[in-house]
Amino acid sequence: MHAVNVSGLKNNPSEALRNARDDLVVVMNRDQPDAVMIGLQSGKLLSEPGARAALATALFRDGGLSLARSARMAQMPLASFITHVSRLGIAVVSHDAQEVARDMETLDQWLAAS
């Protein structure tokens, strides 16, 4: 197990990431443990069935990754990932009422011009 303090993590994050590939890295904030870094590749966690899809889904749901990047992370075609998150009740596109109204107005204008 390795330890790194917050300032060390800020100054040299690549060293902490390299260490996390081999073992757990505890991030210390002053004299208190604050977080744990785990290398996903070294622990074979991502090779577990459904692990990539679950991680990608959570990151997309929480806004951490775009739809396309989440699909790549899940190793799924974009259309399959869209179906996957839709079945889970996660909105693929989120617009407020004003954006929807503007989109509908644009669509009406486009249809009228056709």
PDB file of N, CA and C in Angstrom:
ATOM      1  N   MET A   1       0.850  -1.172   0.000  1.00  0.00           N
ATOM      2  CA  MET A   1       0.000   0.000   0.000  1.00  0.00           C
ATOM      3  C   MET A   1       0.896   1.235   0.000  1.00  0.00           C
ATOM      4  N   HIS A   2       0.469   2.256  -0.733  1.00  0.00           N
ATOM      5  CA  HIS A   2       1.220   3.505  -0.825  1.00  0.00           C
ATOM      6  C   HIS A   2       0.399   4.622  -0.195  1.00  0.00           C
ATOM      7  N   ALA A   3       1.063   5.697   0.177  1.00  0.00           N
ATOM      8  CA  ALA A   3       0.389   6.884   0.694  1.00  0.00           C
ATOM      9  C   ALA A   3       0.937   8.101  -0.021  1.00  0.00           C
ATOM     10  N   VAL A   4       0.061   9.052  -0.258  1.00  0.00           N
ATOM     11  CA  VAL A   4       0.460  10.312  -0.872  1.00  0.00           C
ATOM     12  C   VAL A   4      -0.353  11.411  -0.199  1.00  0.00           C
ATOM     13  N   ASN A   5       0.278  12.551   0.053  1.00  0.00           N
ATOM     14  CA  ASN A   5      -0.505  13.645   0.627  1.00  0.00           C
ATOM     15  C   ASN A   5      -1.133  14.455  -0.500  1.00  0.00           C
ATOM     16  N   VAL A   6      -2.084  15.286  -0.154  1.00  0.00           N
ATOM     17  CA  VAL A   6      -2.836  16.041  -1.159  1.00  0.00           C
ATOM     18  C   VAL A   6      -1.918  16.910  -2.007  1.00  0.00           C
ATOM     19  N   SER A   7      -0.945  17.570  -1.370  1.00  0.00           N
ATOM     20  CA  SER A   7      -0.046  18.425  -2.158  1.00  0.00           C
ATOM     21  C   SER A   7       0.812  17.588  -3.102  1.00  0.00           C
ATOM     22  N   GLY A   8       1.237  16.390  -2.654  1.00  0.00           N
ATOM     23  CA  GLY A   8       1.993  15.504  -3.529  1.00  0.00           C
ATOM     24  C   GLY A   8       1.160  15.029  -4.701  1.00  0.00           C
ATOM     25  N   LEU A   9      -0.112  14.796  -4.453  1.00  0.00           N
ATOM     26  CA  LEU A   9      -1.024  14.391  -5.527  1.00  0.00           C
ATOM     27  C   LEU A   9      -1.207  15.527  -6.527  1.00  0.00           C
ATOM     28  N   LYS A  10      -1.294  16.733  -6.017  1.00  0.00           N
ATOM     29  CA  LYS A  10      -1.459  17.903  -6.894  1.00  0.00           C
ATOM     30  C   LYS A  10      -0.206  18.137  -7.735  1.00  0.00           C
ATOM     31  N   ASN A  11       0.962  17.998  -7.116  1.00  0.00           N
ATOM     32  CA  ASN A  11       2.218  18.277  -7.808  1.00  0.00           C
ATOM     33  C   ASN A  11       2.639  17.178  -8.769  1.00  0.00           C
ATOM     34  N   ASN A  12       2.310  15.924  -8.467  1.00  0.00           N
ATOM     35  CA  ASN A  12       2.767  14.821  -9.306  1.00  0.00           C
ATOM     36  C   ASN A  12       1.705  13.709  -9.333  1.00  0.00           C
ATOM     37  N   PRO A  13       0.580  13.950  -9.994  1.00  0.00           N
ATOM     38  CA  PRO A  13      -0.481  12.936 -10.007  1.00  0.00           C
ATOM     39  C   PRO A  13      -0.090  11.663 -10.749  1.00  0.00           C
ATOM     40  N   SER A  14       0.821  11.767 -11.714  1.00  0.00           N
ATOM     41  CA  SER A  14       1.197  10.581 -12.483  1.00  0.00           C
ATOM     42  C   SER A  14       1.879   9.535 -11.606  1.00  0.00           C
ATOM     43  N   GLU A  15       2.643   9.955 -10.614  1.00  0.00           N
ATOM     44  CA  GLU A  15       3.291   8.987  -9.722  1.00  0.00           C
ATOM     45  C   GLU A  15       2.246   8.226  -8.913  1.00  0.00           C
ATOM     46  N   ALA A  16       1.256   8.936  -8.404  1.00  0.00           N
ATOM     47  CA  ALA A  16       0.196   8.271  -7.643  1.00  0.00           C
ATOM     48  C   ALA A  16      -0.575   7.303  -8.529  1.00  0.00           C
ATOM     49  N   LEU A  17      -0.825   7.690  -9.773  1.00  0.00           N
ATOM     50  CA  LEU A  17      -1.535   6.792 -10.692  1.00  0.00           C
ATOM     51  C   LEU A  17      -0.705   5.552 -11.012  1.00  0.00           C
ATOM     52  N   ARG A  18       0.590   5.729 -11.212  1.00  0.00           N
ATOM     53  CA  ARG A  18       1.471   4.568 -11.442  1.00  0.00           C
ATOM     54  C   ARG A  18       1.447   3.633 -10.243  1.00  0.00           C
ATOM     55  N   ASN A  19       1.514   4.203  -9.039  1.00  0.00           N
ATOM     56  CA  ASN A  19       1.471   3.388  -7.828  1.00  0.00           C
ATOM     57  C   ASN A  19       0.132   2.674  -7.685  1.00  0.00           C
ATOM     58  N   ALA A  20      -0.940   3.322  -8.095  1.00  0.00           N
ATOM     59  CA  ALA A  20      -2.272   2.717  -7.985  1.00  0.00           C
ATOM     60  C   ALA A  20      -2.428   1.525  -8.919  1.00  0.00           C
ATOM     61  N   ARG A  21      -1.623   1.444  -9.964  1.00  0.00           N
ATOM     62  CA  ARG A  21      -1.670   0.277 -10.851  1.00  0.00           C
ATOM     63  C   ARG A  21      -1.195  -0.981 -10.137  1.00  0.00           C
ATOM     64  N   ASP A  22      -0.309  -0.789  -9.157  1.00  0.00           N
ATOM     65  CA  ASP A  22       0.270  -1.926  -8.448  1.00  0.00           C
ATOM     66  C   ASP A  22      -0.431  -2.240  -7.131  1.00  0.00           C
ATOM     67  N   ASP A  23      -0.936  -1.221  -6.453  1.00  0.00           N
ATOM     68  CA  ASP A  23      -1.474  -1.417  -5.120  1.00  0.00           C
ATOM     69  C   ASP A  23      -2.392  -0.239  -4.777  1.00  0.00           C
ATOM     70  N   LEU A  24      -3.028  -0.308  -3.633  1.00  0.00           N
ATOM     71  CA  LEU A  24      -3.863   0.793  -3.175  1.00  0.00           C
ATOM     72  C   LEU A  24      -2.999   1.999  -2.846  1.00  0.00           C
ATOM     73  N   VAL A  25      -3.539   3.178  -3.103  1.00  0.00           N
ATOM     74  CA  VAL A  25      -2.871   4.423  -2.730  1.00  0.00           C
ATOM     75  C   VAL A  25      -3.835   5.186  -1.835  1.00  0.00           C
ATOM     76  N   VAL A  26      -3.383   5.472  -0.618  1.00  0.00           N
ATOM     77  CA  VAL A  26      -4.192   6.242   0.319  1.00  0.00           C
ATOM     78  C   VAL A  26      -3.791   7.703   0.189  1.00  0.00           C
ATOM     79  N   VAL A  27      -4.767   8.560  -0.033  1.00  0.00           N
ATOM     80  CA  VAL A  27      -4.522   9.999  -0.140  1.00  0.00           C
ATOM     81  C   VAL A  27      -4.749  10.597   1.245  1.00  0.00           C
ATOM     82  N   MET A  28      -3.721  11.225   1.761  1.00  0.00           N
ATOM     83  CA  MET A  28      -3.769  11.802   3.099  1.00  0.00           C
ATOM     84  C   MET A  28      -4.009  13.307   3.015  1.00  0.00           C
ATOM     85  N   ASN A  29      -4.896  13.798   3.859  1.00  0.00           N
ATOM     86  CA  ASN A  29      -5.151  15.228   3.986  1.00  0.00           C
ATOM     87  C   ASN A  29      -4.696  15.603   5.389  1.00  0.00           C
ATOM     88  N   ARG A  30      -3.586  16.272   5.451  1.00  0.00           N
ATOM     89  CA  ARG A  30      -2.847  16.499   6.697  1.00  0.00           C
ATOM     90  C   ARG A  30      -2.473  15.141   7.263  1.00  0.00           C
ATOM     91  N   ASP A  31      -2.950  14.774   8.415  1.00  0.00           N
ATOM     92  CA  ASP A  31      -2.594  13.474   8.985  1.00  0.00           C
ATOM     93  C   ASP A  31      -3.755  12.486   8.938  1.00  0.00           C
ATOM     94  N   GLN A  32      -4.764  12.786   8.139  1.00  0.00           N
ATOM     95  CA  GLN A  32      -5.949  11.939   8.089  1.00  0.00           C
ATOM     96  C   GLN A  32      -6.126  11.338   6.691  1.00  0.00           C
ATOM     97  N   PRO A  33      -6.468  10.044   6.619  1.00  0.00           N
ATOM     98  CA  PRO A  33      -6.764   9.458   5.306  1.00  0.00           C
ATOM     99  C   PRO A  33      -8.034  10.099   4.745  1.00  0.00           C
ATOM    100  N   ASP A  34      -7.973  10.481   3.481  1.00  0.00           N
ATOM    101  CA  ASP A  34      -9.077  11.216   2.870  1.00  0.00           C
ATOM    102  C   ASP A  34      -9.719  10.444   1.715  1.00  0.00           C
ATOM    103  N   ALA A  35      -8.928   9.658   0.990  1.00  0.00           N
ATOM    104  CA  ALA A  35      -9.447   8.930  -0.169  1.00  0.00           C
ATOM    105  C   ALA A  35      -8.541   7.743  -0.460  1.00  0.00           C
ATOM    106  N   VAL A  36      -9.039   6.851  -1.286  1.00  0.00           N
ATOM    107  CA  VAL A  36      -8.265   5.697  -1.714  1.00  0.00           C
ATOM    108  C   VAL A  36      -8.305   5.640  -3.233  1.00  0.00           C
ATOM    109  N   MET A  37      -7.149   5.469  -3.836  1.00  0.00           N
ATOM    110  CA  MET A  37      -7.067   5.299  -5.288  1.00  0.00           C
ATOM    111  C   MET A  37      -6.835   3.821  -5.571  1.00  0.00           C
ATOM    112  N   ILE A  38      -7.601   3.300  -6.511  1.00  0.00           N
ATOM    113  CA  ILE A  38      -7.485   1.897  -6.892  1.00  0.00           C
ATOM    114  C   ILE A  38      -7.262   1.831  -8.392  1.00  0.00           C
ATOM    115  N   GLY A  39      -6.228   1.147  -8.802  1.00  0.00           N
ATOM    116  CA  GLY A  39      -5.982   0.954 -10.230  1.00  0.00           C
ATOM    117  C   GLY A  39      -6.962  -0.076 -10.774  1.00  0.00           C
ATOM    118  N   LEU A  40      -7.803   0.317 -11.675  1.00  0.00           N
ATOM    119  CA  LEU A  40      -8.840  -0.592 -12.185  1.00  0.00           C
ATOM    120  C   LEU A  40      -8.277  -1.685 -13.069  1.00  0.00           C
ATOM    121  N   GLN A  41      -7.233  -1.397 -13.820  1.00  0.00           N
ATOM    122  CA  GLN A  41      -6.663  -2.402 -14.707  1.00  0.00           C
ATOM    123  C   GLN A  41      -5.923  -3.493 -13.935  1.00  0.00           C
ATOM    124  N   SER A  42      -5.189  -3.091 -12.897  1.00  0.00           N
ATOM    125  CA  SER A  42      -4.381  -4.072 -12.168  1.00  0.00           C
ATOM    126  C   SER A  42      -5.233  -5.051 -11.384  1.00  0.00           C
ATOM    127  N   GLY A  43      -6.363  -4.602 -10.869  1.00  0.00           N
ATOM    128  CA  GLY A  43      -7.220  -5.477 -10.083  1.00  0.00           C
ATOM    129  C   GLY A  43      -8.157  -6.312 -10.920  1.00  0.00           C
ATOM    130  N   LYS A  44      -8.073  -6.194 -12.222  1.00  0.00           N
ATOM    131  CA  LYS A  44      -8.932  -6.940 -13.145  1.00  0.00           C
ATOM    132  C   LYS A  44     -10.410  -6.638 -12.920  1.00  0.00           C
ATOM    133  N   LEU A  45     -10.687  -5.538 -12.222  1.00  0.00           N
ATOM    134  CA  LEU A  45     -12.062  -5.164 -11.943  1.00  0.00           C
ATOM    135  C   LEU A  45     -12.858  -4.938 -13.219  1.00  0.00           C
ATOM    136  N   LEU A  46     -12.241  -4.269 -14.192  1.00  0.00           N
ATOM    137  CA  LEU A  46     -12.960  -3.950 -15.427  1.00  0.00           C
ATOM    138  C   LEU A  46     -13.222  -5.170 -16.296  1.00  0.00           C
ATOM    139  N   SER A  47     -12.563  -6.291 -16.001  1.00  0.00           N
ATOM    140  CA  SER A  47     -12.811  -7.500 -16.790  1.00  0.00           C
ATOM    141  C   SER A  47     -13.997  -8.305 -16.243  1.00  0.00           C
ATOM    142  N   GLU A  48     -14.514  -7.909 -15.092  1.00  0.00           N
ATOM    143  CA  GLU A  48     -15.684  -8.585 -14.531  1.00  0.00           C
ATOM    144  C   GLU A  48     -16.900  -8.292 -15.413  1.00  0.00           C
ATOM    145  N   PRO A  49     -17.782  -9.280 -15.605  1.00  0.00           N
ATOM    146  CA  PRO A  49     -18.956  -9.062 -16.457  1.00  0.00           C
ATOM    147  C   PRO A  49     -19.803  -7.887 -15.963  1.00  0.00           C
ATOM    148  N   GLY A  50     -20.066  -6.966 -16.869  1.00  0.00           N
ATOM    149  CA  GLY A  50     -20.922  -5.822 -16.574  1.00  0.00           C
ATOM    150  C   GLY A  50     -20.243  -4.663 -15.870  1.00  0.00           C
ATOM    151  N   ALA A  51     -18.996  -4.826 -15.450  1.00  0.00           N
ATOM    152  CA  ALA A  51     -18.325  -3.759 -14.699  1.00  0.00           C
ATOM    153  C   ALA A  51     -18.118  -2.507 -15.553  1.00  0.00           C
ATOM    154  N   ARG A  52     -17.657  -2.678 -16.787  1.00  0.00           N
ATOM    155  CA  ARG A  52     -17.438  -1.520 -17.659  1.00  0.00           C
ATOM    156  C   ARG A  52     -18.750  -0.794 -17.942  1.00  0.00           C
ATOM    157  N   ALA A  53     -19.784  -1.556 -18.239  1.00  0.00           N
ATOM    158  CA  ALA A  53     -21.083  -0.943 -18.537  1.00  0.00           C
ATOM    159  C   ALA A  53     -21.625  -0.209 -17.315  1.00  0.00           C
ATOM    160  N   ALA A  54     -21.475  -0.804 -16.129  1.00  0.00           N
ATOM    161  CA  ALA A  54     -21.972  -0.170 -14.907  1.00  0.00           C
ATOM    162  C   ALA A  54     -21.230   1.124 -14.612  1.00  0.00           C
ATOM    163  N   LEU A  55     -19.919   1.105 -14.753  1.00  0.00           N
ATOM    164  CA  LEU A  55     -19.121   2.300 -14.509  1.00  0.00           C
ATOM    165  C   LEU A  55     -19.439   3.385 -15.531  1.00  0.00           C
ATOM    166  N   ALA A  56     -19.510   3.014 -16.794  1.00  0.00           N
ATOM    167  CA  ALA A  56     -19.828   3.979 -17.849  1.00  0.00           C
ATOM    168  C   ALA A  56     -21.227   4.558 -17.655  1.00  0.00           C
ATOM    169  N   THR A  57     -22.168   3.726 -17.259  1.00  0.00           N
ATOM    170  CA  THR A  57     -23.541   4.185 -17.036  1.00  0.00           C
ATOM    171  C   THR A  57     -23.594   5.194 -15.898  1.00  0.00           C
ATOM    172  N   ALA A  58     -22.919   4.885 -14.799  1.00  0.00           N
ATOM    173  CA  ALA A  58     -22.915   5.803 -13.654  1.00  0.00           C
ATOM    174  C   ALA A  58     -22.245   7.128 -14.009  1.00  0.00           C
ATOM    175  N   LEU A  59     -21.144   7.068 -14.748  1.00  0.00           N
ATOM    176  CA  LEU A  59     -20.462   8.303 -15.142  1.00  0.00           C
ATOM    177  C   LEU A  59     -21.318   9.135 -16.093  1.00  0.00           C
ATOM    178  N   PHE A  60     -22.039   8.479 -17.008  1.00  0.00           N
ATOM    179  CA  PHE A  60     -22.924   9.218 -17.910  1.00  0.00           C
ATOM    180  C   PHE A  60     -24.086   9.829 -17.132  1.00  0.00           C
ATOM    181  N   ARG A  61     -24.699   9.034 -16.267  1.00  0.00           N
ATOM    182  CA  ARG A  61     -25.847   9.506 -15.475  1.00  0.00           C
ATOM    183  C   ARG A  61     -25.486  10.732 -14.651  1.00  0.00           C
ATOM    184  N   ASP A  62     -24.287  10.734 -14.084  1.00  0.00           N
ATOM    185  CA  ASP A  62     -23.871  11.826 -13.211  1.00  0.00           C
ATOM    186  C   ASP A  62     -23.214  12.983 -13.954  1.00  0.00           C
ATOM    187  N   GLY A  63     -23.123  12.864 -15.292  1.00  0.00           N
ATOM    188  CA  GLY A  63     -22.574  13.953 -16.091  1.00  0.00           C
ATOM    189  C   GLY A  63     -21.056  13.952 -16.185  1.00  0.00           C
ATOM    190  N   GLY A  64     -20.409  12.871 -15.760  1.00  0.00           N
ATOM    191  CA  GLY A  64     -18.958  12.805 -15.808  1.00  0.00           C
ATOM    192  C   GLY A  64     -18.400  12.496 -17.181  1.00  0.00           C
ATOM    193  N   LEU A  65     -19.195  11.815 -18.011  1.00  0.00           N
ATOM    194  CA  LEU A  65     -18.779  11.480 -19.367  1.00  0.00           C
ATOM    195  C   LEU A  65     -19.918  11.759 -20.335  1.00  0.00           C
ATOM    196  N   SER A  66     -19.553  12.067 -21.555  1.00  0.00           N
ATOM    197  CA  SER A  66     -20.555  12.253 -22.609  1.00  0.00           C
ATOM    198  C   SER A  66     -21.135  10.898 -22.991  1.00  0.00           C
ATOM    199  N   LEU A  67     -22.193  10.929 -23.754  1.00  0.00           N
ATOM    200  CA  LEU A  67     -22.836   9.700 -24.217  1.00  0.00           C
ATOM    201  C   LEU A  67     -21.878   8.853 -25.052  1.00  0.00           C
ATOM    202  N   ALA A  68     -21.183   9.485 -25.985  1.00  0.00           N
ATOM    203  CA  ALA A  68     -20.273   8.744 -26.869  1.00  0.00           C
ATOM    204  C   ALA A  68     -19.089   8.163 -26.100  1.00  0.00           C
ATOM    205  N   ARG A  69     -18.504   8.943 -25.194  1.00  0.00           N
ATOM    206  CA  ARG A  69     -17.370   8.427 -24.413  1.00  0.00           C
ATOM    207  C   ARG A  69     -17.813   7.312 -23.478  1.00  0.00           C
ATOM    208  N   SER A  70     -19.012   7.422 -22.939  1.00  0.00           N
ATOM    209  CA  SER A  70     -19.535   6.368 -22.071  1.00  0.00           C
ATOM    210  C   SER A  70     -19.731   5.077 -22.854  1.00  0.00           C
ATOM    211  N   ALA A  71     -20.244   5.193 -24.066  1.00  0.00           N
ATOM    212  CA  ALA A  71     -20.432   4.005 -24.907  1.00  0.00           C
ATOM    213  C   ALA A  71     -19.094   3.345 -25.208  1.00  0.00           C
ATOM    214  N   ARG A  72     -18.079   4.150 -25.513  1.00  0.00           N
ATOM    215  CA  ARG A  72     -16.746   3.587 -25.767  1.00  0.00           C
ATOM    216  C   ARG A  72     -16.193   2.913 -24.522  1.00  0.00           C
ATOM    217  N   MET A  73     -16.378   3.550 -23.366  1.00  0.00           N
ATOM    218  CA  MET A  73     -15.887   2.956 -22.129  1.00  0.00           C
ATOM    219  C   MET A  73     -16.582   1.625 -21.848  1.00  0.00           C
ATOM    220  N   ALA A  74     -17.864   1.560 -22.134  1.00  0.00           N
ATOM    221  CA  ALA A  74     -18.632   0.329 -21.926  1.00  0.00           C
ATOM    222  C   ALA A  74     -18.329  -0.713 -22.998  1.00  0.00           C
ATOM    223  N   GLN A  75     -17.590  -0.299 -24.024  1.00  0.00           N
ATOM    224  CA  GLN A  75     -17.271  -1.162 -25.172  1.00  0.00           C
ATOM    225  C   GLN A  75     -18.563  -1.640 -25.852  1.00  0.00           C
ATOM    226  N   MET A  76     -19.463  -0.678 -26.058  1.00  0.00           N
ATOM    227  CA  MET A  76     -20.742  -0.950 -26.709  1.00  0.00           C
ATOM    228  C   MET A  76     -20.918   0.017 -27.874  1.00  0.00           C
ATOM    229  N   PRO A  77     -21.589  -0.431 -28.935  1.00  0.00           N
ATOM    230  CA  PRO A  77     -21.955   0.528 -29.987  1.00  0.00           C
ATOM    231  C   PRO A  77     -22.854   1.607 -29.377  1.00  0.00           C
ATOM    232  N   LEU A  78     -22.787   2.806 -29.931  1.00  0.00           N
ATOM    233  CA  LEU A  78     -23.553   3.922 -29.390  1.00  0.00           C
ATOM    234  C   LEU A  78     -25.040   3.598 -29.290  1.00  0.00           C
ATOM    235  N   ALA A  79     -25.597   3.006 -30.336  1.00  0.00           N
ATOM    236  CA  ALA A  79     -27.031   2.682 -30.320  1.00  0.00           C
ATOM    237  C   ALA A  79     -27.370   1.703 -29.196  1.00  0.00           C
ATOM    238  N   SER A  80     -26.506   0.739 -28.963  1.00  0.00           N
ATOM    239  CA  SER A  80     -26.740  -0.219 -27.878  1.00  0.00           C
ATOM    240  C   SER A  80     -26.650   0.451 -26.520  1.00  0.00           C
ATOM    241  N   PHE A  81     -25.712   1.378 -26.370  1.00  0.00           N
ATOM    242  CA  PHE A  81     -25.584   2.076 -25.088  1.00  0.00           C
ATOM    243  C   PHE A  81     -26.793   2.971 -24.846  1.00  0.00           C
ATOM    244  N   ILE A  82     -27.285   3.611 -25.894  1.00  0.00           N
ATOM    245  CA  ILE A  82     -28.494   4.437 -25.759  1.00  0.00           C
ATOM    246  C   ILE A  82     -29.662   3.568 -25.291  1.00  0.00           C
ATOM    247  N   THR A  83     -29.825   2.410 -25.892  1.00  0.00           N
ATOM    248  CA  THR A  83     -30.881   1.485 -25.474  1.00  0.00           C
ATOM    249  C   THR A  83     -30.679   1.061 -24.030  1.00  0.00           C
ATOM    250  N   HIS A  84     -29.440   0.752 -23.672  1.00  0.00           N
ATOM    251  CA  HIS A  84     -29.100   0.315 -22.312  1.00  0.00           C
ATOM    252  C   HIS A  84     -29.511   1.361 -21.276  1.00  0.00           C
ATOM    253  N   VAL A  85     -29.070   2.617 -21.454  1.00  0.00           N
ATOM    254  CA  VAL A  85     -29.386   3.644 -20.456  1.00  0.00           C
ATOM    255  C   VAL A  85     -30.868   4.006 -20.475  1.00  0.00           C
ATOM    256  N   SER A  86     -31.488   3.944 -21.635  1.00  0.00           N
ATOM    257  CA  SER A  86     -32.924   4.241 -21.718  1.00  0.00           C
ATOM    258  C   SER A  86     -33.731   3.216 -20.928  1.00  0.00           C
ATOM    259  N   ARG A  87     -33.342   1.950 -21.024  1.00  0.00           N
ATOM    260  CA  ARG A  87     -34.031   0.901 -20.253  1.00  0.00           C
ATOM    261  C   ARG A  87     -33.885   1.110 -18.753  1.00  0.00           C
ATOM    262  N   LEU A  88     -32.806   1.765 -18.359  1.00  0.00           N
ATOM    263  CA  LEU A  88     -32.581   2.052 -16.941  1.00  0.00           C
ATOM    264  C   LEU A  88     -33.272   3.340 -16.493  1.00  0.00           C
ATOM    265  N   GLY A  89     -33.966   3.993 -17.411  1.00  0.00           N
ATOM    266  CA  GLY A  89     -34.678   5.219 -17.075  1.00  0.00           C
ATOM    267  C   GLY A  89     -33.802   6.453 -17.034  1.00  0.00           C
ATOM    268  N   ILE A  90     -32.636   6.370 -17.657  1.00  0.00           N
ATOM    269  CA  ILE A  90     -31.720   7.510 -17.701  1.00  0.00           C
ATOM    270  C   ILE A  90     -31.942   8.251 -19.007  1.00  0.00           C
ATOM    271  N   ALA A  91     -32.248   9.528 -18.900  1.00  0.00           N
ATOM    272  CA  ALA A  91     -32.517  10.333 -20.094  1.00  0.00           C
ATOM    273  C   ALA A  91     -31.254  10.489 -20.925  1.00  0.00           C
ATOM    274  N   VAL A  92     -31.383  10.247 -22.211  1.00  0.00           N
ATOM    275  CA  VAL A  92     -30.256  10.396 -23.125  1.00  0.00           C
ATOM    276  C   VAL A  92     -30.083  11.865 -23.494  1.00  0.00           C
ATOM    277  N   VAL A  93     -31.175  12.558 -23.627  1.00  0.00           N
ATOM    278  CA  VAL A  93     -31.176  13.986 -23.943  1.00  0.00           C
ATOM    279  C   VAL A  93     -31.999  14.688 -22.878  1.00  0.00           C
ATOM    280  N   SER A  94     -31.451  15.728 -22.311  1.00  0.00           N
ATOM    281  CA  SER A  94     -32.217  16.475 -21.309  1.00  0.00           C
ATOM    282  C   SER A  94     -32.269  17.944 -21.714  1.00  0.00           C
ATOM    283  N   HIS A  95     -33.472  18.411 -21.939  1.00  0.00           N
ATOM    284  CA  HIS A  95     -33.699  19.809 -22.300  1.00  0.00           C
ATOM    285  C   HIS A  95     -34.743  20.376 -21.364  1.00  0.00           C
ATOM    286  N   ASP A  96     -34.649  21.668 -21.101  1.00  0.00           N
ATOM    287  CA  ASP A  96     -35.711  22.299 -20.335  1.00  0.00           C
ATOM    288  C   ASP A  96     -36.812  22.723 -21.301  1.00  0.00           C
ATOM    289  N   ALA A  97     -37.909  23.207 -20.783  1.00  0.00           N
ATOM    290  CA  ALA A  97     -39.080  23.541 -21.597  1.00  0.00           C
ATOM    291  C   ALA A  97     -38.762  24.601 -22.655  1.00  0.00           C
ATOM    292  N   GLN A  98     -37.919  25.571 -22.319  1.00  0.00           N
ATOM    293  CA  GLN A  98     -37.570  26.618 -23.284  1.00  0.00           C
ATOM    294  C   GLN A  98     -36.779  26.045 -24.460  1.00  0.00           C
ATOM    295  N   GLU A  99     -35.852  25.139 -24.179  1.00  0.00           N
ATOM    296  CA  GLU A  99     -35.061  24.532 -25.252  1.00  0.00           C
ATOM    297  C   GLU A  99     -35.945  23.687 -26.166  1.00  0.00           C
ATOM    298  N   VAL A 100     -36.884  22.963 -25.574  1.00  0.00           N
ATOM    299  CA  VAL A 100     -37.798  22.152 -26.364  1.00  0.00           C
ATOM    300  C   VAL A 100     -38.668  23.056 -27.244  1.00  0.00           C
ATOM    301  N   ALA A 101     -39.154  24.153 -26.690  1.00  0.00           N
ATOM    302  CA  ALA A 101     -39.976  25.087 -27.458  1.00  0.00           C
ATOM    303  C   ALA A 101     -39.187  25.672 -28.629  1.00  0.00           C
ATOM    304  N   ARG A 102     -37.922  26.034 -28.399  1.00  0.00           N
ATOM    305  CA  ARG A 102     -37.081  26.566 -29.481  1.00  0.00           C
ATOM    306  C   ARG A 102     -36.840  25.498 -30.551  1.00  0.00           C
ATOM    307  N   ASP A 103     -36.587  24.274 -30.108  1.00  0.00           N
ATOM    308  CA  ASP A 103     -36.376  23.190 -31.071  1.00  0.00           C
ATOM    309  C   ASP A 103     -37.631  22.944 -31.904  1.00  0.00           C
ATOM    310  N   MET A 104     -38.787  22.990 -31.279  1.00  0.00           N
ATOM    311  CA  MET A 104     -40.040  22.783 -32.003  1.00  0.00           C
ATOM    312  C   MET A 104     -40.293  23.918 -32.991  1.00  0.00           C
ATOM    313  N   GLU A 105     -39.964  25.133 -32.602  1.00  0.00           N
ATOM    314  CA  GLU A 105     -40.119  26.277 -33.496  1.00  0.00           C
ATOM    315  C   GLU A 105     -39.197  26.122 -34.707  1.00  0.00           C
ATOM    316  N   THR A 106     -37.962  25.718 -34.477  1.00  0.00           N
ATOM    317  CA  THR A 106     -37.016  25.491 -35.564  1.00  0.00           C
ATOM    318  C   THR A 106     -37.512  24.389 -36.485  1.00  0.00           C
ATOM    319  N   LEU A 107     -38.046  23.323 -35.912  1.00  0.00           N
ATOM    320  CA  LEU A 107     -38.586  22.225 -36.713  1.00  0.00           C
ATOM    321  C   LEU A 107     -39.770  22.705 -37.547  1.00  0.00           C
ATOM    322  N   ASP A 108     -40.660  23.475 -36.945  1.00  0.00           N
ATOM    323  CA  ASP A 108     -41.809  24.002 -37.693  1.00  0.00           C
ATOM    324  C   ASP A 108     -41.350  24.875 -38.862  1.00  0.00           C
ATOM    325  N   GLN A 109     -40.337  25.716 -38.640  1.00  0.00           N
ATOM    326  CA  GLN A 109     -39.812  26.571 -39.692  1.00  0.00           C
ATOM    327  C   GLN A 109     -39.195  25.729 -40.808  1.00  0.00           C
ATOM    328  N   TRP A 110     -38.464  24.708 -40.415  1.00  0.00           N
ATOM    329  CA  TRP A 110     -37.820  23.832 -41.405  1.00  0.00           C
ATOM    330  C   TRP A 110     -38.860  23.100 -42.224  1.00  0.00           C
ATOM    331  N   LEU A 111     -39.915  22.592 -41.566  1.00  0.00           N
ATOM    332  CA  LEU A 111     -40.974  21.870 -42.296  1.00  0.00           C
ATOM    333  C   LEU A 111     -41.730  22.807 -43.230  1.00  0.00           C
ATOM    334  N   ALA A 112     -41.948  24.045 -42.790  1.00  0.00           N
ATOM    335  CA  ALA A 112     -42.656  25.004 -43.627  1.00  0.00           C
ATOM    336  C   ALA A 112     -41.831  25.366 -44.870  1.00  0.00           C
ATOM    337  N   ALA A 113     -40.518  25.368 -44.737  1.00  0.00           N
ATOM    338  CA  ALA A 113     -39.644  25.722 -45.855  1.00  0.00           C
ATOM    339  C   ALA A 113     -39.476  24.563 -46.836  1.00  0.00           C
ATOM    340  N   SER A 114     -39.817  23.350 -46.411  1.00  0.00           N
ATOM    341  CA  SER A 114     -39.610  22.179 -47.273  1.00  0.00           C
ATOM    342  C   SER A 114     -40.650  22.050 -48.339  1.00  0.00           C
TER     343      SER A 114
END
